[in-house]
Amino acid sequence: MWANSQRNRVRRFCLKATPGNLPVIGVKEFAYVVNMDTARKLNLFPPMQVLKYAETVN
């Protein structure tokens, strides 16, 4: 079940609210993940600075 606040957000979006009337919600947590298998297949290699900050490298 959705909480009331989620219903209200969906309702605002569906009613074509203008961007200025939509609330901005900041991200509190995030994870930086580097998928090295995909990087190798694409022949792309992230710099060491990126790998230092990655939470997961697989």
Protein backbone atom coordinates (compact mmCIF):
# COMPACT_ATOMS: atom_id res chain seq x y z
CA MET A 1 0.00 0.00 0.00
CA TRP A 2 1.17 3.46 -0.79
CA ALA A 3 1.37 6.10 1.89
CA ASN A 4 -0.76 9.20 1.50
CA SER A 5 2.26 11.34 0.60
CA GLN A 6 3.14 8.99 -2.27
CA ARG A 7 -0.44 9.09 -3.54
CA ASN A 8 -0.37 12.87 -3.46
CA ARG A 9 2.87 12.97 -5.47
CA VAL A 10 1.47 10.65 -8.11
CA ARG A 11 -1.76 12.62 -8.23
CA ARG A 12 0.12 15.91 -8.73
CA PHE A 13 2.19 14.38 -11.51
CA CYS A 14 -0.82 12.86 -13.25
CA LEU A 15 -2.74 16.12 -13.07
CA LYS A 16 0.09 17.73 -15.05
CA ALA A 17 1.29 20.04 -12.33
CA THR A 18 3.82 22.62 -13.45
CA PRO A 19 7.44 21.90 -12.49
CA GLY A 20 7.56 24.94 -10.23
CA ASN A 21 4.74 23.53 -8.10
CA LEU A 22 6.35 20.13 -7.55
CA PRO A 23 8.32 19.63 -4.32
CA VAL A 24 12.05 18.93 -4.46
CA ILE A 25 13.23 16.01 -2.36
CA GLY A 26 16.95 15.55 -1.78
CA VAL A 27 18.73 12.22 -1.72
CA LYS A 28 19.95 11.25 1.74
CA GLU A 29 21.95 8.16 0.80
CA PHE A 30 23.35 6.72 -2.39
CA ALA A 31 25.72 3.97 -3.42
CA TYR A 32 28.24 4.15 -6.24
CA VAL A 33 28.65 0.75 -7.89
CA VAL A 34 31.10 -0.08 -10.69
CA ASN A 35 30.35 -3.16 -12.77
CA MET A 36 33.80 -4.10 -14.09
CA ASP A 37 32.49 -7.00 -16.21
CA THR A 38 30.40 -4.58 -18.24
CA ALA A 39 33.21 -2.01 -18.33
CA ARG A 40 35.59 -4.62 -19.76
CA LYS A 41 33.07 -5.70 -22.41
CA LEU A 42 32.68 -2.07 -23.45
CA ASN A 43 36.46 -1.58 -23.30
CA LEU A 44 35.98 1.22 -20.76
CA PHE A 45 38.03 1.46 -17.61
CA PRO A 46 37.04 3.84 -14.82
CA PRO A 47 39.79 6.05 -13.42
CA MET A 48 41.26 5.14 -10.04
CA GLN A 49 39.63 8.22 -8.45
CA VAL A 50 36.22 6.78 -9.39
CA LEU A 51 37.13 3.33 -8.05
CA LYS A 52 38.27 4.86 -4.74
CA TYR A 53 34.81 6.27 -4.09
CA ALA A 54 32.89 3.22 -5.31
CA GLU A 55 31.10 1.34 -2.59
CA THR A 56 31.09 -1.86 -4.64
CA VAL A 57 33.34 -2.93 -7.51
CA ASN A 58 32.37 -6.23 -9.06
